[in-house]
Amino acid sequence: MSDEKKEKLSKNLNEIVETVEKLTVLEVAQLVKALEDKFGVSAAPVAVAGGTTPATTDAAPAEEKSEFNVVITDAGTNKLGVIKAIREVKTDLGLIEAKTMTEKVPTTLLENAKKEVAEEAKKKLEEAGAKVELQ
């Protein structure tokens, strides 16, 4: 930040800027998320009149997603196998609930599942004949 711009900020804001300058990109991203959560706002760019949002050249690299929703998009022809796979993945479901899931596709089987769990569930369901998406 230029010295001219720093002079326009209060002492407290200058201290904050200096502290943020020392953070890593990941820490800045976590800070932004924490501020969004704390104050119920979004740091997403706002569209400007007459066009699109300005592009930034120092965009942070996209973080790899760690949680997924497991969505069954098609139960396939082997519904019995898919029902069994559903019950293996989600052991608290009864036979009727699992059968209903195969009839009402697309349906979300798991929400916010860890990457490894979601991939394992997808593998089991696809082996049984279902079509599955991780979202």
N, C-alpha and C. Protein backbone atom coordinates (compact mmCIF):
# COMPACT_ATOMS: atom_id res chain seq x y z
N MET A 1 0.85 -1.16 0.00
CA MET A 1 0.00 0.00 0.00
C MET A 1 0.90 1.23 0.00
N SER A 2 0.56 2.22 -0.82
CA SER A 2 1.41 3.41 -0.91
C SER A 2 1.31 4.24 0.36
N ASP A 3 2.36 5.04 0.60
CA ASP A 3 2.39 5.89 1.79
C ASP A 3 1.26 6.91 1.77
N GLU A 4 0.90 7.38 0.56
CA GLU A 4 -0.18 8.37 0.45
C GLU A 4 -1.51 7.77 0.91
N LYS A 5 -1.77 6.53 0.52
CA LYS A 5 -3.01 5.87 0.92
C LYS A 5 -3.00 5.55 2.41
N LYS A 6 -1.84 5.18 2.96
CA LYS A 6 -1.73 4.88 4.39
C LYS A 6 -2.05 6.10 5.23
N GLU A 7 -1.66 7.28 4.75
CA GLU A 7 -1.90 8.51 5.51
C GLU A 7 -3.39 8.78 5.66
N LYS A 8 -4.20 8.33 4.72
CA LYS A 8 -5.65 8.57 4.76
C LYS A 8 -6.36 7.64 5.74
N LEU A 9 -5.69 6.58 6.16
CA LEU A 9 -6.30 5.62 7.07
C LEU A 9 -5.98 5.99 8.52
N SER A 10 -6.86 5.57 9.41
CA SER A 10 -6.59 5.80 10.83
C SER A 10 -5.45 4.90 11.29
N LYS A 11 -4.93 5.18 12.46
CA LYS A 11 -3.83 4.39 13.01
C LYS A 11 -4.24 2.92 13.14
N ASN A 12 -5.46 2.69 13.65
CA ASN A 12 -5.95 1.31 13.81
C ASN A 12 -6.00 0.58 12.47
N LEU A 13 -6.50 1.27 11.44
CA LEU A 13 -6.60 0.63 10.13
C LEU A 13 -5.22 0.37 9.55
N ASN A 14 -4.28 1.28 9.74
CA ASN A 14 -2.91 1.06 9.27
C ASN A 14 -2.31 -0.18 9.93
N GLU A 15 -2.56 -0.37 11.22
CA GLU A 15 -2.04 -1.55 11.93
C GLU A 15 -2.65 -2.83 11.37
N ILE A 16 -3.94 -2.78 11.07
CA ILE A 16 -4.62 -3.95 10.51
C ILE A 16 -4.02 -4.28 9.14
N VAL A 17 -3.85 -3.25 8.30
CA VAL A 17 -3.28 -3.47 6.97
C VAL A 17 -1.88 -4.09 7.08
N GLU A 18 -1.07 -3.58 7.99
CA GLU A 18 0.28 -4.12 8.16
C GLU A 18 0.24 -5.57 8.62
N THR A 19 -0.70 -5.90 9.49
CA THR A 19 -0.84 -7.28 9.96
C THR A 19 -1.28 -8.20 8.81
N VAL A 20 -2.25 -7.74 8.02
CA VAL A 20 -2.76 -8.54 6.91
C VAL A 20 -1.67 -8.76 5.86
N GLU A 21 -0.80 -7.77 5.67
CA GLU A 21 0.29 -7.91 4.71
C GLU A 21 1.21 -9.07 5.05
N LYS A 22 1.28 -9.44 6.30
CA LYS A 22 2.17 -10.51 6.75
C LYS A 22 1.54 -11.91 6.63
N LEU A 23 0.26 -11.97 6.32
CA LEU A 23 -0.45 -13.24 6.25
C LEU A 23 -0.20 -13.94 4.92
N THR A 24 -0.34 -15.26 4.94
CA THR A 24 -0.27 -16.03 3.69
C THR A 24 -1.61 -15.90 2.96
N VAL A 25 -1.64 -16.30 1.71
CA VAL A 25 -2.87 -16.23 0.92
C VAL A 25 -3.95 -17.08 1.58
N LEU A 26 -3.60 -18.25 2.08
CA LEU A 26 -4.57 -19.13 2.73
C LEU A 26 -5.13 -18.47 3.99
N GLU A 27 -4.27 -17.83 4.76
CA GLU A 27 -4.72 -17.15 5.97
C GLU A 27 -5.65 -15.98 5.63
N VAL A 28 -5.36 -15.27 4.55
CA VAL A 28 -6.23 -14.16 4.13
C VAL A 28 -7.60 -14.71 3.73
N ALA A 29 -7.60 -15.83 3.01
CA ALA A 29 -8.87 -16.45 2.60
C ALA A 29 -9.68 -16.87 3.83
N GLN A 30 -9.00 -17.42 4.85
CA GLN A 30 -9.68 -17.83 6.08
C GLN A 30 -10.21 -16.60 6.82
N LEU A 31 -9.44 -15.52 6.80
CA LEU A 31 -9.86 -14.28 7.44
C LEU A 31 -11.12 -13.73 6.77
N VAL A 32 -11.13 -13.72 5.45
CA VAL A 32 -12.29 -13.24 4.71
C VAL A 32 -13.51 -14.07 5.06
N LYS A 33 -13.36 -15.39 5.09
CA LYS A 33 -14.48 -16.28 5.43
C LYS A 33 -14.98 -16.01 6.84
N ALA A 34 -14.05 -15.82 7.78
CA ALA A 34 -14.44 -15.55 9.17
C ALA A 34 -15.19 -14.22 9.27
N LEU A 35 -14.74 -13.22 8.54
CA LEU A 35 -15.43 -11.91 8.56
C LEU A 35 -16.81 -12.01 7.91
N GLU A 36 -16.91 -12.78 6.83
CA GLU A 36 -18.21 -12.97 6.20
C GLU A 36 -19.19 -13.64 7.17
N ASP A 37 -18.72 -14.68 7.85
CA ASP A 37 -19.56 -15.39 8.82
C ASP A 37 -19.95 -14.50 10.00
N LYS A 38 -18.99 -13.77 10.51
CA LYS A 38 -19.19 -12.92 11.69
C LYS A 38 -20.22 -11.83 11.42
N PHE A 39 -20.12 -11.18 10.24
CA PHE A 39 -20.96 -10.03 9.96
C PHE A 39 -22.09 -10.30 8.97
N GLY A 40 -22.20 -11.55 8.51
CA GLY A 40 -23.30 -11.91 7.62
C GLY A 40 -23.24 -11.19 6.27
N VAL A 41 -22.03 -11.00 5.75
CA VAL A 41 -21.87 -10.31 4.47
C VAL A 41 -21.08 -11.20 3.52
N SER A 42 -20.96 -10.74 2.27
CA SER A 42 -20.19 -11.48 1.28
C SER A 42 -19.12 -10.57 0.71
N ALA A 43 -17.93 -11.12 0.52
CA ALA A 43 -16.84 -10.35 -0.06
C ALA A 43 -16.79 -10.54 -1.57
N ALA A 44 -17.82 -11.16 -2.14
CA ALA A 44 -17.85 -11.37 -3.59
C ALA A 44 -17.93 -10.02 -4.29
N PRO A 45 -17.27 -9.90 -5.44
CA PRO A 45 -17.32 -8.63 -6.17
C PRO A 45 -18.75 -8.30 -6.58
N VAL A 46 -19.08 -7.03 -6.56
CA VAL A 46 -20.41 -6.57 -6.95
C VAL A 46 -20.33 -6.10 -8.39
N ALA A 47 -21.34 -6.43 -9.20
CA ALA A 47 -21.34 -6.02 -10.60
C ALA A 47 -21.35 -4.50 -10.69
N VAL A 48 -20.55 -3.98 -11.60
CA VAL A 48 -20.51 -2.54 -11.80
C VAL A 48 -21.45 -2.16 -12.93
N ALA A 49 -21.92 -0.93 -12.91
CA ALA A 49 -22.87 -0.48 -13.92
C ALA A 49 -22.28 -0.64 -15.31
N GLY A 50 -23.08 -1.20 -16.21
CA GLY A 50 -22.67 -1.30 -17.59
C GLY A 50 -21.76 -2.46 -17.91
N GLY A 51 -21.60 -3.42 -17.03
CA GLY A 51 -20.73 -4.52 -17.42
C GLY A 51 -20.49 -5.52 -16.33
N THR A 52 -19.32 -6.11 -16.43
CA THR A 52 -18.96 -7.19 -15.51
C THR A 52 -18.10 -6.66 -14.39
N THR A 53 -17.76 -7.55 -13.50
CA THR A 53 -16.91 -7.17 -12.37
C THR A 53 -15.47 -7.05 -12.84
N PRO A 54 -14.70 -6.19 -12.21
CA PRO A 54 -13.30 -6.06 -12.62
C PRO A 54 -12.52 -7.32 -12.30
N ALA A 55 -11.62 -7.70 -13.18
CA ALA A 55 -10.81 -8.91 -12.97
C ALA A 55 -9.61 -8.56 -12.11
N THR A 56 -9.25 -9.51 -11.26
CA THR A 56 -8.06 -9.29 -10.44
C THR A 56 -6.94 -10.16 -10.98
N THR A 57 -5.73 -9.66 -10.94
CA THR A 57 -4.61 -10.43 -11.45
C THR A 57 -3.99 -11.30 -10.39
N ASP A 58 -4.14 -10.95 -9.10
CA ASP A 58 -3.56 -11.77 -8.05
C ASP A 58 -4.63 -12.61 -7.36
N ALA A 59 -5.44 -13.29 -8.14
CA ALA A 59 -6.48 -14.13 -7.56
C ALA A 59 -5.84 -15.30 -6.82
N ALA A 60 -6.40 -15.63 -5.69
CA ALA A 60 -5.89 -16.75 -4.90
C ALA A 60 -6.22 -18.05 -5.62
N PRO A 61 -5.35 -19.04 -5.54
CA PRO A 61 -5.66 -20.32 -6.19
C PRO A 61 -6.87 -20.95 -5.52
N ALA A 62 -7.68 -21.62 -6.32
CA ALA A 62 -8.88 -22.24 -5.78
C ALA A 62 -8.50 -23.33 -4.79
N GLU A 63 -9.17 -23.34 -3.66
CA GLU A 63 -8.91 -24.37 -2.66
C GLU A 63 -9.62 -25.64 -3.08
N GLU A 64 -8.98 -26.77 -2.84
CA GLU A 64 -9.58 -28.04 -3.18
C GLU A 64 -10.74 -28.30 -2.23
N LYS A 65 -11.84 -28.72 -2.81
CA LYS A 65 -13.04 -28.99 -2.03
C LYS A 65 -12.81 -30.23 -1.17
N SER A 66 -13.23 -30.16 0.09
CA SER A 66 -12.99 -31.29 0.99
C SER A 66 -14.28 -31.99 1.41
N GLU A 67 -15.43 -31.38 1.16
CA GLU A 67 -16.71 -31.99 1.51
C GLU A 67 -17.61 -32.03 0.29
N PHE A 68 -18.33 -33.13 0.13
CA PHE A 68 -19.16 -33.32 -1.05
C PHE A 68 -20.54 -33.85 -0.66
N ASN A 69 -21.51 -33.56 -1.52
CA ASN A 69 -22.81 -34.18 -1.44
C ASN A 69 -22.79 -35.34 -2.44
N VAL A 70 -23.28 -36.50 -2.02
CA VAL A 70 -23.35 -37.67 -2.89
C VAL A 70 -24.79 -37.73 -3.41
N VAL A 71 -24.94 -37.50 -4.73
CA VAL A 71 -26.26 -37.41 -5.34
C VAL A 71 -26.43 -38.55 -6.33
N ILE A 72 -27.48 -39.34 -6.12
CA ILE A 72 -27.81 -40.42 -7.06
C ILE A 72 -28.64 -39.80 -8.16
N THR A 73 -28.12 -39.83 -9.39
CA THR A 73 -28.84 -39.22 -10.52
C THR A 73 -29.67 -40.24 -11.30
N ASP A 74 -29.30 -41.51 -11.21
CA ASP A 74 -30.04 -42.57 -11.89
C ASP A 74 -29.78 -43.88 -11.15
N ALA A 75 -30.85 -44.57 -10.80
CA ALA A 75 -30.70 -45.82 -10.04
C ALA A 75 -30.31 -46.99 -10.93
N GLY A 76 -30.40 -46.83 -12.24
CA GLY A 76 -30.02 -47.92 -13.14
C GLY A 76 -31.06 -49.03 -13.18
N THR A 77 -30.67 -50.15 -13.75
CA THR A 77 -31.60 -51.27 -13.91
C THR A 77 -31.53 -52.27 -12.77
N ASN A 78 -30.42 -52.29 -12.04
CA ASN A 78 -30.24 -53.22 -10.92
C ASN A 78 -30.64 -52.53 -9.61
N LYS A 79 -31.94 -52.24 -9.48
CA LYS A 79 -32.39 -51.48 -8.31
C LYS A 79 -32.15 -52.22 -7.00
N LEU A 80 -32.25 -53.52 -6.99
CA LEU A 80 -32.00 -54.28 -5.77
C LEU A 80 -30.56 -54.09 -5.32
N GLY A 81 -29.63 -54.16 -6.26
CA GLY A 81 -28.22 -53.95 -5.94
C GLY A 81 -27.96 -52.53 -5.43
N VAL A 82 -28.63 -51.57 -6.04
CA VAL A 82 -28.47 -50.17 -5.62
C VAL A 82 -29.05 -49.97 -4.23
N ILE A 83 -30.19 -50.58 -3.96
CA ILE A 83 -30.80 -50.49 -2.61
C ILE A 83 -29.84 -51.05 -1.57
N LYS A 84 -29.22 -52.19 -1.87
CA LYS A 84 -28.24 -52.77 -0.94
C LYS A 84 -27.06 -51.84 -0.74
N ALA A 85 -26.58 -51.24 -1.83
CA ALA A 85 -25.45 -50.32 -1.74
C ALA A 85 -25.81 -49.09 -0.92
N ILE A 86 -27.02 -48.58 -1.11
CA ILE A 86 -27.49 -47.42 -0.33
C ILE A 86 -27.47 -47.76 1.15
N ARG A 87 -27.95 -48.94 1.49
CA ARG A 87 -28.00 -49.33 2.90
C ARG A 87 -26.61 -49.60 3.47
N GLU A 88 -25.65 -49.98 2.63
CA GLU A 88 -24.26 -50.14 3.09
C GLU A 88 -23.65 -48.78 3.39
N VAL A 89 -23.96 -47.81 2.55
CA VAL A 89 -23.40 -46.46 2.71
C VAL A 89 -24.06 -45.75 3.88
N LYS A 90 -25.36 -45.85 3.94
CA LYS A 90 -26.11 -45.15 4.99
C LYS A 90 -26.87 -46.20 5.80
N THR A 91 -26.20 -46.70 6.81
CA THR A 91 -26.70 -47.86 7.56
C THR A 91 -27.95 -47.57 8.37
N ASP A 92 -28.27 -46.30 8.61
CA ASP A 92 -29.46 -45.99 9.40
C ASP A 92 -30.74 -46.03 8.58
N LEU A 93 -30.64 -46.24 7.27
CA LEU A 93 -31.83 -46.30 6.42
C LEU A 93 -32.44 -47.69 6.43
N GLY A 94 -33.74 -47.73 6.45
CA GLY A 94 -34.45 -48.99 6.33
C GLY A 94 -34.64 -49.34 4.86
N LEU A 95 -35.19 -50.51 4.62
CA LEU A 95 -35.41 -50.98 3.26
C LEU A 95 -36.33 -50.05 2.48
N ILE A 96 -37.41 -49.61 3.10
CA ILE A 96 -38.39 -48.75 2.43
C ILE A 96 -37.75 -47.41 2.04
N GLU A 97 -36.98 -46.81 2.98
CA GLU A 97 -36.35 -45.52 2.69
C GLU A 97 -35.35 -45.65 1.53
N ALA A 98 -34.57 -46.74 1.54
CA ALA A 98 -33.59 -46.96 0.48
C ALA A 98 -34.30 -47.18 -0.86
N LYS A 99 -35.37 -47.93 -0.85
CA LYS A 99 -36.14 -48.16 -2.08
C LYS A 99 -36.71 -46.85 -2.60
N THR A 100 -37.23 -46.03 -1.71
CA THR A 100 -37.79 -44.73 -2.10
C THR A 100 -36.72 -43.86 -2.76
N MET A 101 -35.50 -43.93 -2.25
CA MET A 101 -34.42 -43.13 -2.84
C MET A 101 -34.14 -43.55 -4.28
N THR A 102 -34.28 -44.83 -4.59
CA THR A 102 -34.02 -45.28 -5.96
C THR A 102 -35.15 -44.86 -6.90
N GLU A 103 -36.32 -44.62 -6.35
CA GLU A 103 -37.47 -44.24 -7.17
C GLU A 103 -37.57 -42.74 -7.39
N LYS A 104 -36.99 -41.96 -6.49
CA LYS A 104 -37.10 -40.50 -6.57
C LYS A 104 -35.74 -39.88 -6.85
N VAL A 105 -35.21 -40.15 -8.03
CA VAL A 105 -33.91 -39.58 -8.40
C VAL A 105 -34.13 -38.31 -9.20
N PRO A 106 -33.28 -37.34 -9.15
CA PRO A 106 -32.05 -37.31 -8.36
C PRO A 106 -32.36 -37.12 -6.88
N THR A 107 -31.55 -37.76 -6.06
CA THR A 107 -31.71 -37.65 -4.62
C THR A 107 -30.33 -37.61 -3.95
N THR A 108 -30.25 -36.85 -2.88
CA THR A 108 -28.98 -36.72 -2.16
C THR A 108 -28.92 -37.78 -1.07
N LEU A 109 -27.91 -38.64 -1.17
CA LEU A 109 -27.73 -39.70 -0.19
C LEU A 109 -26.93 -39.21 1.01
N LEU A 110 -25.83 -38.50 0.75
CA LEU A 110 -24.99 -37.96 1.83
C LEU A 110 -24.77 -36.47 1.58
N GLU A 111 -24.78 -35.69 2.65
CA GLU A 111 -24.51 -34.26 2.56
C GLU A 111 -23.24 -33.93 3.33
N ASN A 112 -22.41 -33.09 2.75
CA ASN A 112 -21.17 -32.62 3.37
C ASN A 112 -20.29 -33.77 3.87
N ALA A 113 -20.18 -34.79 3.05
CA ALA A 113 -19.35 -35.94 3.41
C ALA A 113 -17.90 -35.65 3.06
N LYS A 114 -16.99 -36.14 3.88
CA LYS A 114 -15.56 -36.00 3.60
C LYS A 114 -15.26 -36.64 2.25
N LYS A 115 -14.22 -36.14 1.59
CA LYS A 115 -13.88 -36.57 0.24
C LYS A 115 -13.74 -38.09 0.14
N GLU A 116 -13.02 -38.69 1.09
CA GLU A 116 -12.80 -40.14 1.03
C GLU A 116 -14.11 -40.92 1.18
N VAL A 117 -14.97 -40.48 2.09
CA VAL A 117 -16.25 -41.14 2.32
C VAL A 117 -17.13 -41.01 1.07
N ALA A 118 -17.16 -39.81 0.50
CA ALA A 118 -17.98 -39.57 -0.69
C ALA A 118 -17.50 -40.42 -1.87
N GLU A 119 -16.19 -40.50 -2.06
CA GLU A 119 -15.66 -41.30 -3.17
C GLU A 119 -15.94 -42.78 -2.97
N GLU A 120 -15.84 -43.26 -1.74
CA GLU A 120 -16.14 -44.67 -1.45
C GLU A 120 -17.62 -44.97 -1.70
N ALA A 121 -18.50 -44.05 -1.27
CA ALA A 121 -19.92 -44.24 -1.50
C ALA A 121 -20.22 -44.26 -3.00
N LYS A 122 -19.62 -43.33 -3.73
CA LYS A 122 -19.82 -43.28 -5.18
C LYS A 122 -19.39 -44.59 -5.83
N LYS A 123 -18.24 -45.09 -5.41
CA LYS A 123 -17.71 -46.34 -5.97
C LYS A 123 -18.69 -47.49 -5.73
N LYS A 124 -19.19 -47.64 -4.50
CA LYS A 124 -20.13 -48.73 -4.18
C LYS A 124 -21.41 -48.62 -5.00
N LEU A 125 -21.93 -47.40 -5.08
CA LEU A 125 -23.19 -47.20 -5.81
C LEU A 125 -23.03 -47.46 -7.30
N GLU A 126 -21.91 -47.00 -7.86
CA GLU A 126 -21.68 -47.22 -9.29
C GLU A 126 -21.45 -48.70 -9.60
N GLU A 127 -20.78 -49.40 -8.69
CA GLU A 127 -20.58 -50.85 -8.88
C GLU A 127 -21.92 -51.57 -8.89
N ALA A 128 -22.90 -51.03 -8.16
CA ALA A 128 -24.23 -51.63 -8.11
C ALA A 128 -25.08 -51.23 -9.32
N GLY A 129 -24.61 -50.25 -10.10
CA GLY A 129 -25.32 -49.87 -11.31
C GLY A 129 -25.94 -48.48 -11.31
N ALA A 130 -25.76 -47.72 -10.24
CA ALA A 130 -26.33 -46.38 -10.16
C ALA A 130 -25.39 -45.38 -10.83
N LYS A 131 -25.96 -44.27 -11.24
CA LYS A 131 -25.15 -43.14 -11.71
C LYS A 131 -25.13 -42.13 -10.58
N VAL A 132 -23.92 -41.67 -10.22
CA VAL A 132 -23.74 -40.84 -9.03
C VAL A 132 -22.88 -39.63 -9.38
N GLU A 133 -23.22 -38.49 -8.76
CA GLU A 133 -22.42 -37.28 -8.90
C GLU A 133 -21.97 -36.83 -7.51
N LEU A 134 -20.76 -36.31 -7.45
CA LEU A 134 -20.29 -35.66 -6.23
C LEU A 134 -20.38 -34.17 -6.46
N GLN A 135 -21.12 -33.50 -5.60
CA GLN A 135 -21.31 -32.06 -5.76
C GLN A 135 -20.74 -31.32 -4.57
